[in-house]
Amino acid sequence: MNDKKHVVFLRGINVGGHHKVPMAELREEIKKLGYQEITTILNSGNIIFKSEKKPVANKISRQLEDRFGFPVPVVVVEADSVRDLLKNNPFKDEEITKDIRFYVSFLWKDQDSSIGLPWYAPDQSFKILAKRNGMLLSVLDLAASKTPKAMATLEDFYGTEITTRNWKTIERIGKKLI
């Protein structure tokens, strides 16, 4: 058996008191699908598990919707892709201040947009640095805009089949992948 680790990112759970999904119940549902060594990270829908076969996002999404009663979009990423992202930190040359936030957005389908990258918001509050292996890498500067529309901008360019995590969350996931 050639088990491989995968990371699953859920969209829109446990946000603002809506679409509540307890992590213990989430792990149980993932286990029912036959996955092993299931770990959840934070409460925002980040799951690591092992599987003989490549997990199917639609199958996971249907299982979760059946159990929790609302749509739960998911994206599946091979753990090696997350490890590679961390190893080759795309933000290493970016200035770090208390107002700077780094984000990784995961696309359901590795699609392109008509915008050229890097792309900068007119007010310089947000920039999309690059797209790599179905992941968008972006930087938000809260000092430039206190009402950022960064996620809406990403959806305008790439559609709503996307979910985003901050870099600190990706680093936490990486520590569990060792």
C-alpha atoms as a PDB file:
ATOM      1  CA  MET A   1       0.000   0.000   0.000  1.00  0.00           C
ATOM      2  CA  ASN A   2       1.397   3.388  -1.044  1.00  0.00           C
ATOM      3  CA  ASP A   3      -0.294   5.850   1.314  1.00  0.00           C
ATOM      4  CA  LYS A   4       0.183   9.516   0.526  1.00  0.00           C
ATOM      5  CA  LYS A   5      -0.713  12.588   2.562  1.00  0.00           C
ATOM      6  CA  HIS A   6      -3.196  15.131   1.284  1.00  0.00           C
ATOM      7  CA  VAL A   7      -4.479  18.445   2.579  1.00  0.00           C
ATOM      8  CA  VAL A   8      -8.122  19.374   2.156  1.00  0.00           C
ATOM      9  CA  PHE A   9      -9.274  22.963   2.495  1.00  0.00           C
ATOM     10  CA  LEU A  10     -12.973  23.604   3.131  1.00  0.00           C
ATOM     11  CA  ARG A  11     -14.629  26.865   2.169  1.00  0.00           C
ATOM     12  CA  GLY A  12     -17.021  28.830   4.332  1.00  0.00           C
ATOM     13  CA  ILE A  13     -17.331  26.792   7.516  1.00  0.00           C
ATOM     14  CA  ASN A  14     -17.320  28.199  11.054  1.00  0.00           C
ATOM     15  CA  VAL A  15     -17.258  31.795   9.792  1.00  0.00           C
ATOM     16  CA  GLY A  16     -19.154  34.357  11.818  1.00  0.00           C
ATOM     17  CA  GLY A  17     -21.217  31.702  13.590  1.00  0.00           C
ATOM     18  CA  HIS A  18     -22.539  30.294  10.314  1.00  0.00           C
ATOM     19  CA  HIS A  19     -22.177  26.813   8.855  1.00  0.00           C
ATOM     20  CA  LYS A  20     -20.861  25.308  12.052  1.00  0.00           C
ATOM     21  CA  VAL A  21     -18.848  22.134  11.664  1.00  0.00           C
ATOM     22  CA  PRO A  22     -17.364  20.627  14.850  1.00  0.00           C
ATOM     23  CA  MET A  23     -13.880  19.278  14.163  1.00  0.00           C
ATOM     24  CA  ALA A  24     -14.549  15.917  15.839  1.00  0.00           C
ATOM     25  CA  GLU A  25     -17.570  15.368  13.587  1.00  0.00           C
ATOM     26  CA  LEU A  26     -15.585  16.509  10.557  1.00  0.00           C
ATOM     27  CA  ARG A  27     -12.851  13.959  11.314  1.00  0.00           C
ATOM     28  CA  GLU A  28     -15.498  11.238  11.685  1.00  0.00           C
ATOM     29  CA  GLU A  29     -17.017  12.042   8.287  1.00  0.00           C
ATOM     30  CA  ILE A  30     -13.588  11.978   6.637  1.00  0.00           C
ATOM     31  CA  LYS A  31     -12.886   8.641   8.314  1.00  0.00           C
ATOM     32  CA  LYS A  32     -16.139   7.231   6.871  1.00  0.00           C
ATOM     33  CA  LEU A  33     -14.706   7.914   3.416  1.00  0.00           C
ATOM     34  CA  GLY A  34     -11.842   5.539   4.173  1.00  0.00           C
ATOM     35  CA  TYR A  35      -9.058   8.029   4.863  1.00  0.00           C
ATOM     36  CA  GLN A  36      -6.549   7.450   7.658  1.00  0.00           C
ATOM     37  CA  GLU A  37      -4.432   9.459  10.105  1.00  0.00           C
ATOM     38  CA  ILE A  38      -6.867  12.380   9.997  1.00  0.00           C
ATOM     39  CA  THR A  39      -5.801  15.657  11.573  1.00  0.00           C
ATOM     40  CA  THR A  40      -7.680  18.963  11.584  1.00  0.00           C
ATOM     41  CA  ILE A  41      -5.845  22.255  11.958  1.00  0.00           C
ATOM     42  CA  LEU A  42      -7.684  25.222  13.449  1.00  0.00           C
ATOM     43  CA  ASN A  43     -11.439  25.517  13.159  1.00  0.00           C
ATOM     44  CA  SER A  44     -11.540  26.874   9.615  1.00  0.00           C
ATOM     45  CA  GLY A  45     -11.599  23.601   7.701  1.00  0.00           C
ATOM     46  CA  ASN A  46      -8.055  22.377   7.171  1.00  0.00           C
ATOM     47  CA  ILE A  47      -7.648  18.610   7.136  1.00  0.00           C
ATOM     48  CA  ILE A  48      -4.622  16.380   6.630  1.00  0.00           C
ATOM     49  CA  PHE A  49      -5.003  12.660   6.012  1.00  0.00           C
ATOM     50  CA  LYS A  50      -3.445   9.677   4.290  1.00  0.00           C
ATOM     51  CA  SER A  51      -5.035   7.861   1.407  1.00  0.00           C
ATOM     52  CA  GLU A  52      -4.093   5.037  -0.953  1.00  0.00           C
ATOM     53  CA  LYS A  53      -5.855   6.808  -3.814  1.00  0.00           C
ATOM     54  CA  LYS A  54      -6.075  10.452  -4.752  1.00  0.00           C
ATOM     55  CA  PRO A  55      -9.084  11.876  -2.884  1.00  0.00           C
ATOM     56  CA  VAL A  56     -11.978  13.189  -4.966  1.00  0.00           C
ATOM     57  CA  ALA A  57     -13.085  16.659  -3.881  1.00  0.00           C
ATOM     58  CA  ASN A  58     -16.682  16.172  -5.047  1.00  0.00           C
ATOM     59  CA  LYS A  59     -17.024  12.970  -3.028  1.00  0.00           C
ATOM     60  CA  ILE A  60     -15.784  14.702   0.130  1.00  0.00           C
ATOM     61  CA  SER A  61     -18.026  17.704  -0.520  1.00  0.00           C
ATOM     62  CA  ARG A  62     -21.134  15.515  -0.983  1.00  0.00           C
ATOM     63  CA  GLN A  63     -20.377  13.561   2.209  1.00  0.00           C
ATOM     64  CA  LEU A  64     -20.054  16.772   4.209  1.00  0.00           C
ATOM     65  CA  GLU A  65     -23.162  18.353   2.683  1.00  0.00           C
ATOM     66  CA  ASP A  66     -25.182  15.207   3.454  1.00  0.00           C
ATOM     67  CA  ARG A  67     -23.970  15.248   7.065  1.00  0.00           C
ATOM     68  CA  PHE A  68     -24.093  18.981   7.852  1.00  0.00           C
ATOM     69  CA  GLY A  69     -26.984  20.088   5.634  1.00  0.00           C
ATOM     70  CA  PHE A  70     -25.292  22.820   3.601  1.00  0.00           C
ATOM     71  CA  PRO A  71     -22.837  22.891   0.699  1.00  0.00           C
ATOM     72  CA  VAL A  72     -19.207  22.512   1.751  1.00  0.00           C
ATOM     73  CA  PRO A  73     -16.916  23.235  -1.202  1.00  0.00           C
ATOM     74  CA  VAL A  74     -13.501  21.598  -0.881  1.00  0.00           C
ATOM     75  CA  VAL A  75     -10.174  21.631  -2.653  1.00  0.00           C
ATOM     76  CA  VAL A  76      -7.694  18.771  -2.331  1.00  0.00           C
ATOM     77  CA  VAL A  77      -3.958  19.503  -2.459  1.00  0.00           C
ATOM     78  CA  GLU A  78      -1.153  16.979  -2.283  1.00  0.00           C
ATOM     79  CA  ALA A  79       0.916  17.486   0.849  1.00  0.00           C
ATOM     80  CA  ASP A  80       4.068  17.667  -1.278  1.00  0.00           C
ATOM     81  CA  SER A  81       2.696  20.819  -2.949  1.00  0.00           C
ATOM     82  CA  VAL A  82       2.252  22.488   0.438  1.00  0.00           C
ATOM     83  CA  ARG A  83       5.718  21.358   1.547  1.00  0.00           C
ATOM     84  CA  ASP A  84       7.212  22.742  -1.677  1.00  0.00           C
ATOM     85  CA  LEU A  85       5.406  26.053  -1.195  1.00  0.00           C
ATOM     86  CA  LEU A  86       6.808  26.372   2.320  1.00  0.00           C
ATOM     87  CA  LYS A  87      10.308  25.347   1.249  1.00  0.00           C
ATOM     88  CA  ASN A  88      10.305  27.958  -1.536  1.00  0.00           C
ATOM     89  CA  ASN A  89       8.611  30.683   0.507  1.00  0.00           C
ATOM     90  CA  PRO A  90       7.050  33.009  -2.080  1.00  0.00           C
ATOM     91  CA  PHE A  91       6.915  35.847   0.452  1.00  0.00           C
ATOM     92  CA  LYS A  92      10.588  35.821   1.479  1.00  0.00           C
ATOM     93  CA  ASP A  93      11.312  39.058  -0.408  1.00  0.00           C
ATOM     94  CA  GLU A  94       8.222  40.894   0.833  1.00  0.00           C
ATOM     95  CA  GLU A  95       8.418  43.581   3.492  1.00  0.00           C
ATOM     96  CA  ILE A  96       6.928  42.466   6.792  1.00  0.00           C
ATOM     97  CA  THR A  97       5.134  44.972   9.033  1.00  0.00           C
ATOM     98  CA  LYS A  98       2.313  44.711  11.540  1.00  0.00           C
ATOM     99  CA  ASP A  99      -0.133  45.600   8.738  1.00  0.00           C
ATOM    100  CA  ILE A 100       1.078  43.182   6.070  1.00  0.00           C
ATOM    101  CA  ARG A 101      -0.755  39.878   5.543  1.00  0.00           C
ATOM    102  CA  PHE A 102       0.314  37.049   3.233  1.00  0.00           C
ATOM    103  CA  TYR A 103      -2.320  34.797   1.671  1.00  0.00           C
ATOM    104  CA  VAL A 104      -2.477  31.589  -0.324  1.00  0.00           C
ATOM    105  CA  SER A 105      -5.673  30.988  -2.275  1.00  0.00           C
ATOM    106  CA  PHE A 106      -6.450  27.531  -3.609  1.00  0.00           C
ATOM    107  CA  LEU A 107      -8.337  27.215  -6.887  1.00  0.00           C
ATOM    108  CA  TRP A 108     -10.703  24.299  -7.484  1.00  0.00           C
ATOM    109  CA  LYS A 109      -9.442  24.216 -11.082  1.00  0.00           C
ATOM    110  CA  ASP A 110      -6.023  25.464 -12.114  1.00  0.00           C
ATOM    111  CA  GLN A 111      -7.292  28.245 -14.342  1.00  0.00           C
ATOM    112  CA  ASP A 112      -5.756  31.402 -15.685  1.00  0.00           C
ATOM    113  CA  SER A 113      -7.111  34.910 -15.596  1.00  0.00           C
ATOM    114  CA  SER A 114      -6.786  37.716 -18.081  1.00  0.00           C
ATOM    115  CA  ILE A 115      -4.803  39.813 -15.618  1.00  0.00           C
ATOM    116  CA  GLY A 116      -1.056  39.995 -15.792  1.00  0.00           C
ATOM    117  CA  LEU A 117       0.863  38.981 -12.683  1.00  0.00           C
ATOM    118  CA  PRO A 118       2.046  40.502 -10.520  1.00  0.00           C
ATOM    119  CA  TRP A 119      -1.098  42.604 -10.262  1.00  0.00           C
ATOM    120  CA  TYR A 120      -1.423  45.653  -7.987  1.00  0.00           C
ATOM    121  CA  ALA A 121      -4.605  47.295  -6.701  1.00  0.00           C
ATOM    122  CA  PRO A 122      -4.803  50.974  -7.655  1.00  0.00           C
ATOM    123  CA  ASP A 123      -4.471  52.006  -3.992  1.00  0.00           C
ATOM    124  CA  GLN A 124      -1.532  49.576  -3.508  1.00  0.00           C
ATOM    125  CA  SER A 125      -3.387  47.859  -0.645  1.00  0.00           C
ATOM    126  CA  PHE A 126      -3.402  44.473  -2.349  1.00  0.00           C
ATOM    127  CA  LYS A 127      -1.248  42.638  -4.831  1.00  0.00           C
ATOM    128  CA  ILE A 128      -1.381  39.221  -6.422  1.00  0.00           C
ATOM    129  CA  LEU A 129       2.224  38.114  -6.740  1.00  0.00           C
ATOM    130  CA  ALA A 130       1.920  34.902  -8.712  1.00  0.00           C
ATOM    131  CA  LYS A 131      -0.008  31.743  -9.460  1.00  0.00           C
ATOM    132  CA  ARG A 132       1.694  28.391  -8.901  1.00  0.00           C
ATOM    133  CA  ASN A 133       0.155  24.934  -9.216  1.00  0.00           C
ATOM    134  CA  GLY A 134      -3.390  26.142  -8.682  1.00  0.00           C
ATOM    135  CA  MET A 135      -2.392  28.459  -5.823  1.00  0.00           C
ATOM    136  CA  LEU A 136      -2.590  32.252  -5.869  1.00  0.00           C
ATOM    137  CA  LEU A 137      -0.078  34.110  -3.737  1.00  0.00           C
ATOM    138  CA  SER A 138      -1.102  37.540  -2.540  1.00  0.00           C
ATOM    139  CA  VAL A 139      -0.185  40.309  -0.115  1.00  0.00           C
ATOM    140  CA  LEU A 140      -2.582  42.612   1.711  1.00  0.00           C
ATOM    141  CA  ASP A 141      -1.446  45.893   3.290  1.00  0.00           C
ATOM    142  CA  LEU A 142      -3.959  46.987   5.910  1.00  0.00           C
ATOM    143  CA  ALA A 143      -2.110  50.302   6.342  1.00  0.00           C
ATOM    144  CA  ALA A 144      -3.023  51.279   2.768  1.00  0.00           C
ATOM    145  CA  SER A 145      -6.708  50.401   3.132  1.00  0.00           C
ATOM    146  CA  LYS A 146      -8.713  49.676   6.247  1.00  0.00           C
ATOM    147  CA  THR A 147     -11.565  48.245   4.147  1.00  0.00           C
ATOM    148  CA  PRO A 148      -9.769  45.743   1.953  1.00  0.00           C
ATOM    149  CA  LYS A 149     -11.676  44.025  -0.803  1.00  0.00           C
ATOM    150  CA  ALA A 150      -8.920  41.540  -1.505  1.00  0.00           C
ATOM    151  CA  MET A 151     -10.982  38.360  -1.511  1.00  0.00           C
ATOM    152  CA  ALA A 152     -13.656  39.956  -3.695  1.00  0.00           C
ATOM    153  CA  THR A 153     -10.892  40.990  -6.105  1.00  0.00           C
ATOM    154  CA  LEU A 154      -9.622  37.414  -6.286  1.00  0.00           C
ATOM    155  CA  GLU A 155     -13.144  36.164  -6.969  1.00  0.00           C
ATOM    156  CA  ASP A 156     -13.609  38.810  -9.680  1.00  0.00           C
ATOM    157  CA  PHE A 157     -10.512  37.521 -11.461  1.00  0.00           C
ATOM    158  CA  TYR A 158     -10.728  33.774 -10.725  1.00  0.00           C
ATOM    159  CA  GLY A 159     -14.335  33.041  -9.753  1.00  0.00           C
ATOM    160  CA  THR A 160     -15.847  31.823  -6.502  1.00  0.00           C
ATOM    161  CA  GLU A 161     -14.387  28.320  -6.673  1.00  0.00           C
ATOM    162  CA  ILE A 162     -11.542  29.404  -4.452  1.00  0.00           C
ATOM    163  CA  THR A 163     -10.637  29.328  -0.770  1.00  0.00           C
ATOM    164  CA  THR A 164      -7.973  31.359   0.994  1.00  0.00           C
ATOM    165  CA  ARG A 165      -5.703  30.834   3.997  1.00  0.00           C
ATOM    166  CA  ASN A 166      -3.233  33.175   5.607  1.00  0.00           C
ATOM    167  CA  TRP A 167       0.438  32.239   5.512  1.00  0.00           C
ATOM    168  CA  LYS A 168       0.554  31.533   9.246  1.00  0.00           C
ATOM    169  CA  THR A 169      -2.114  28.849   8.768  1.00  0.00           C
ATOM    170  CA  ILE A 170      -0.111  27.318   5.911  1.00  0.00           C
ATOM    171  CA  GLU A 171       2.946  27.256   8.194  1.00  0.00           C
ATOM    172  CA  ARG A 172       0.907  25.500  10.913  1.00  0.00           C
ATOM    173  CA  ILE A 173      -0.270  22.927   8.391  1.00  0.00           C
ATOM    174  CA  GLY A 174       3.320  22.452   7.260  1.00  0.00           C
ATOM    175  CA  LYS A 175       4.428  21.588  10.787  1.00  0.00           C
ATOM    176  CA  LYS A 176       1.873  18.755  10.816  1.00  0.00           C
ATOM    177  CA  LEU A 177       3.150  17.427   7.504  1.00  0.00           C
ATOM    178  CA  ILE A 178       6.619  16.609   8.837  1.00  0.00           C
END
